[in-house]
């Protein structure tokens, strides 16, 4: 795989992780707004909690897969731009695109997060969101409303 292809795929996988986070944040904030807007029944809270857990598992799985792919691509990219890599490895048929010096600069800022950290963060946010939904469901209601 060429330097350009590896860099393109590395950036695309980064965008995929961001897309998973965007969907997750939208769903989570929507659920919290739903529970915070007015009192909801415990039965509904149980159903939506189960749905949220299922959504969280699927979302986290997709995010982990994209993060692992990104980590593997980063290793390939890092190998291609290493200072001791032969020029023929990265620039076989035409001048490097992007130039090798620029790619080495990108190497320093492209290091992906460890997928385990992504999973731990996701689980912590899941637990906080569930706790918030249940707090909003079980909170004492103001009789003046």
C-alpha atoms as a PDB file:
ATOM      1  CA  UNK A   1       0.000   0.000   0.000  1.00  0.00           C
ATOM      2  CA  UNK A   2       1.366   3.417  -0.869  1.00  0.00           C
ATOM      3  CA  UNK A   3       1.959   6.269   1.524  1.00  0.00           C
ATOM      4  CA  UNK A   4      -0.944   8.241   0.035  1.00  0.00           C
ATOM      5  CA  UNK A   5      -3.374   5.319   0.329  1.00  0.00           C
ATOM      6  CA  UNK A   6      -2.341   4.607   3.898  1.00  0.00           C
ATOM      7  CA  UNK A   7      -2.710   8.252   4.917  1.00  0.00           C
ATOM      8  CA  UNK A   8      -6.118   8.510   3.229  1.00  0.00           C
ATOM      9  CA  UNK A   9      -7.395   5.390   4.968  1.00  0.00           C
ATOM     10  CA  UNK A  10      -5.953   6.524   8.320  1.00  0.00           C
ATOM     11  CA  UNK A  11      -7.806   9.830   8.085  1.00  0.00           C
ATOM     12  CA  UNK A  12     -11.008   8.136   6.891  1.00  0.00           C
ATOM     13  CA  UNK A  13     -10.987   5.787   9.895  1.00  0.00           C
ATOM     14  CA  UNK A  14     -10.529   8.822  12.145  1.00  0.00           C
ATOM     15  CA  UNK A  15     -13.628  10.332  10.548  1.00  0.00           C
ATOM     16  CA  UNK A  16     -15.500   7.064  11.154  1.00  0.00           C
ATOM     17  CA  UNK A  17     -14.700   7.202  14.875  1.00  0.00           C
ATOM     18  CA  UNK A  18     -15.917  10.802  14.981  1.00  0.00           C
ATOM     19  CA  UNK A  19     -19.146   9.798  13.214  1.00  0.00           C
ATOM     20  CA  UNK A  20     -19.777   7.104  15.837  1.00  0.00           C
ATOM     21  CA  UNK A  21     -19.222   9.666  18.619  1.00  0.00           C
ATOM     22  CA  UNK A  22     -21.565  12.156  16.913  1.00  0.00           C
ATOM     23  CA  UNK A  23     -24.399   9.648  16.687  1.00  0.00           C
ATOM     24  CA  UNK A  24     -23.790   8.517  20.253  1.00  0.00           C
ATOM     25  CA  UNK A  25     -23.841  12.059  21.646  1.00  0.00           C
ATOM     26  CA  UNK A  26     -27.007  12.914  19.702  1.00  0.00           C
ATOM     27  CA  UNK A  27     -28.880   9.845  20.961  1.00  0.00           C
ATOM     28  CA  UNK A  28     -27.660  10.275  24.544  1.00  0.00           C
ATOM     29  CA  UNK A  29     -28.562  13.958  24.753  1.00  0.00           C
ATOM     30  CA  UNK A  30     -31.925  13.246  23.122  1.00  0.00           C
ATOM     31  CA  UNK A  31     -32.744  10.625  25.744  1.00  0.00           C
ATOM     32  CA  UNK A  32     -31.660  12.889  28.575  1.00  0.00           C
ATOM     33  CA  UNK A  33     -33.767  15.732  27.199  1.00  0.00           C
ATOM     34  CA  UNK A  34     -36.727  13.360  26.871  1.00  0.00           C
ATOM     35  CA  UNK A  35     -36.438  12.256  30.506  1.00  0.00           C
ATOM     36  CA  UNK A  36     -35.749  15.764  31.735  1.00  0.00           C
ATOM     37  CA  UNK A  37     -38.704  17.404  29.991  1.00  0.00           C
ATOM     38  CA  UNK A  38     -41.421  15.857  32.170  1.00  0.00           C
ATOM     39  CA  UNK A  39     -41.914  12.904  34.513  1.00  0.00           C
ATOM     40  CA  UNK A  40     -41.747   9.491  32.808  1.00  0.00           C
ATOM     41  CA  UNK A  41     -42.939   6.104  34.018  1.00  0.00           C
ATOM     42  CA  UNK A  42     -40.565   3.516  35.418  1.00  0.00           C
ATOM     43  CA  UNK A  43     -41.780   1.042  32.799  1.00  0.00           C
ATOM     44  CA  UNK A  44     -40.767   3.406  30.006  1.00  0.00           C
ATOM     45  CA  UNK A  45     -37.430   4.027  31.717  1.00  0.00           C
ATOM     46  CA  UNK A  46     -36.751   0.274  31.825  1.00  0.00           C
ATOM     47  CA  UNK A  47     -37.565  -0.139  28.130  1.00  0.00           C
ATOM     48  CA  UNK A  48     -35.488   2.861  27.045  1.00  0.00           C
ATOM     49  CA  UNK A  49     -32.616   1.850  29.341  1.00  0.00           C
ATOM     50  CA  UNK A  50     -32.487  -1.575  27.697  1.00  0.00           C
ATOM     51  CA  UNK A  51     -32.600   0.020  24.246  1.00  0.00           C
ATOM     52  CA  UNK A  52     -29.855   2.451  25.239  1.00  0.00           C
ATOM     53  CA  UNK A  53     -27.641  -0.372  26.509  1.00  0.00           C
ATOM     54  CA  UNK A  54     -28.137  -2.259  23.233  1.00  0.00           C
ATOM     55  CA  UNK A  55     -27.371   0.901  21.260  1.00  0.00           C
ATOM     56  CA  UNK A  56     -24.286   1.538  23.411  1.00  0.00           C
ATOM     57  CA  UNK A  57     -22.955  -1.986  22.821  1.00  0.00           C
ATOM     58  CA  UNK A  58     -23.396  -1.712  19.055  1.00  0.00           C
ATOM     59  CA  UNK A  59     -21.971   1.820  18.944  1.00  0.00           C
ATOM     60  CA  UNK A  60     -18.979   0.909  21.099  1.00  0.00           C
ATOM     61  CA  UNK A  61     -18.328  -2.181  18.965  1.00  0.00           C
ATOM     62  CA  UNK A  62     -18.267  -0.132  15.775  1.00  0.00           C
ATOM     63  CA  UNK A  63     -16.095   2.482  17.405  1.00  0.00           C
ATOM     64  CA  UNK A  64     -13.636  -0.148  18.642  1.00  0.00           C
ATOM     65  CA  UNK A  65     -13.434  -1.763  15.228  1.00  0.00           C
ATOM     66  CA  UNK A  66     -12.694   1.592  13.581  1.00  0.00           C
ATOM     67  CA  UNK A  67     -10.169   2.467  16.323  1.00  0.00           C
ATOM     68  CA  UNK A  68      -8.356  -0.856  15.852  1.00  0.00           C
ATOM     69  CA  UNK A  69      -8.274  -0.343  12.091  1.00  0.00           C
ATOM     70  CA  UNK A  70      -6.915   3.136  12.658  1.00  0.00           C
ATOM     71  CA  UNK A  71      -4.221   1.798  14.956  1.00  0.00           C
ATOM     72  CA  UNK A  72      -3.151  -0.809  12.365  1.00  0.00           C
ATOM     73  CA  UNK A  73      -3.095   1.832   9.621  1.00  0.00           C
ATOM     74  CA  UNK A  74      -1.065   4.148  11.827  1.00  0.00           C
ATOM     75  CA  UNK A  75       1.538   1.419  12.320  1.00  0.00           C
ATOM     76  CA  UNK A  76       1.756   1.000   8.537  1.00  0.00           C
ATOM     77  CA  UNK A  77       1.964   4.758   8.035  1.00  0.00           C
ATOM     78  CA  UNK A  78       4.600   5.100  10.754  1.00  0.00           C
ATOM     79  CA  UNK A  79       6.684   2.392   9.070  1.00  0.00           C
ATOM     80  CA  UNK A  80       6.425   4.117   5.685  1.00  0.00           C
ATOM     81  CA  UNK A  81       7.587   7.501   6.994  1.00  0.00           C
ATOM     82  CA  UNK A  82      10.230   6.278   9.442  1.00  0.00           C
ATOM     83  CA  UNK A  83      13.523   8.152   8.989  1.00  0.00           C
ATOM     84  CA  UNK A  84      15.326   4.881   8.204  1.00  0.00           C
ATOM     85  CA  UNK A  85      12.720   3.723   5.625  1.00  0.00           C
ATOM     86  CA  UNK A  86      14.200   3.450   2.147  1.00  0.00           C
ATOM     87  CA  UNK A  87      12.871   6.015  -0.300  1.00  0.00           C
ATOM     88  CA  UNK A  88      11.828   3.226  -2.656  1.00  0.00           C
ATOM     89  CA  UNK A  89       9.287   1.984  -0.100  1.00  0.00           C
ATOM     90  CA  UNK A  90       7.396   5.262  -0.042  1.00  0.00           C
ATOM     91  CA  UNK A  91       8.106   6.737  -3.479  1.00  0.00           C
ATOM     92  CA  UNK A  92       8.128   3.883  -5.965  1.00  0.00           C
ATOM     93  CA  UNK A  93       6.774   5.274  -9.241  1.00  0.00           C
ATOM     94  CA  UNK A  94       6.496   9.040  -8.873  1.00  0.00           C
ATOM     95  CA  UNK A  95       7.387  11.737  -6.373  1.00  0.00           C
ATOM     96  CA  UNK A  96       5.889  11.178  -2.967  1.00  0.00           C
ATOM     97  CA  UNK A  97       2.393  12.513  -2.601  1.00  0.00           C
ATOM     98  CA  UNK A  98       2.343  13.974   0.059  1.00  0.00           C
ATOM     99  CA  UNK A  99       6.044  14.729   0.207  1.00  0.00           C
ATOM    100  CA  UNK A 100       7.859  12.449   2.627  1.00  0.00           C
ATOM    101  CA  UNK A 101       8.947  15.368   4.831  1.00  0.00           C
ATOM    102  CA  UNK A 102       5.333  16.516   5.215  1.00  0.00           C
ATOM    103  CA  UNK A 103       4.200  12.974   5.922  1.00  0.00           C
ATOM    104  CA  UNK A 104       6.782  12.707   8.690  1.00  0.00           C
ATOM    105  CA  UNK A 105       5.270  15.820  10.256  1.00  0.00           C
ATOM    106  CA  UNK A 106       1.822  14.224  10.093  1.00  0.00           C
ATOM    107  CA  UNK A 107       3.173  11.112  11.781  1.00  0.00           C
ATOM    108  CA  UNK A 108       3.782  13.012  15.006  1.00  0.00           C
ATOM    109  CA  UNK A 109       0.183  14.269  15.236  1.00  0.00           C
ATOM    110  CA  UNK A 110      -1.695  11.275  13.822  1.00  0.00           C
ATOM    111  CA  UNK A 111      -1.166   8.804  16.636  1.00  0.00           C
ATOM    112  CA  UNK A 112      -4.569   7.258  17.442  1.00  0.00           C
ATOM    113  CA  UNK A 113      -5.910   6.602  20.925  1.00  0.00           C
ATOM    114  CA  UNK A 114      -5.575   3.122  22.344  1.00  0.00           C
ATOM    115  CA  UNK A 115      -8.861   1.294  21.580  1.00  0.00           C
ATOM    116  CA  UNK A 116      -9.035   0.152  25.216  1.00  0.00           C
ATOM    117  CA  UNK A 117      -9.190   3.793  26.335  1.00  0.00           C
ATOM    118  CA  UNK A 118     -11.993   4.424  23.856  1.00  0.00           C
ATOM    119  CA  UNK A 119     -13.939   1.459  25.294  1.00  0.00           C
ATOM    120  CA  UNK A 120     -13.385   2.514  28.913  1.00  0.00           C
ATOM    121  CA  UNK A 121     -14.454   6.083  28.169  1.00  0.00           C
ATOM    122  CA  UNK A 122     -17.554   4.823  26.317  1.00  0.00           C
ATOM    123  CA  UNK A 123     -18.579   2.579  29.230  1.00  0.00           C
ATOM    124  CA  UNK A 124     -18.101   5.401  31.747  1.00  0.00           C
ATOM    125  CA  UNK A 125     -20.267   7.734  29.656  1.00  0.00           C
ATOM    126  CA  UNK A 126     -22.856   4.943  29.251  1.00  0.00           C
ATOM    127  CA  UNK A 127     -23.061   4.484  33.011  1.00  0.00           C
ATOM    128  CA  UNK A 128     -23.329   8.222  33.634  1.00  0.00           C
ATOM    129  CA  UNK A 129     -26.077   8.546  31.021  1.00  0.00           C
ATOM    130  CA  UNK A 130     -28.037   5.639  32.534  1.00  0.00           C
ATOM    131  CA  UNK A 131     -27.632   7.071  36.033  1.00  0.00           C
ATOM    132  CA  UNK A 132     -28.862  10.445  34.765  1.00  0.00           C
ATOM    133  CA  UNK A 133     -31.886   8.894  33.060  1.00  0.00           C
ATOM    134  CA  UNK A 134     -32.829   7.058  36.246  1.00  0.00           C
ATOM    135  CA  UNK A 135     -32.262  10.119  38.399  1.00  0.00           C
ATOM    136  CA  UNK A 136     -34.585  12.093  36.118  1.00  0.00           C
ATOM    137  CA  UNK A 137     -37.154   9.272  36.292  1.00  0.00           C
ATOM    138  CA  UNK A 138     -37.059   8.831  40.070  1.00  0.00           C
ATOM    139  CA  UNK A 139     -36.505  12.430  41.195  1.00  0.00           C
ATOM    140  CA  UNK A 140     -39.142  13.947  43.460  1.00  0.00           C
ATOM    141  CA  UNK A 141     -41.636  15.978  41.488  1.00  0.00           C
ATOM    142  CA  UNK A 142     -42.355  19.591  42.329  1.00  0.00           C
ATOM    143  CA  UNK A 143     -46.069  19.762  43.226  1.00  0.00           C
ATOM    144  CA  UNK A 144     -46.316  23.318  41.818  1.00  0.00           C
ATOM    145  CA  UNK A 145     -45.640  22.178  38.261  1.00  0.00           C
END
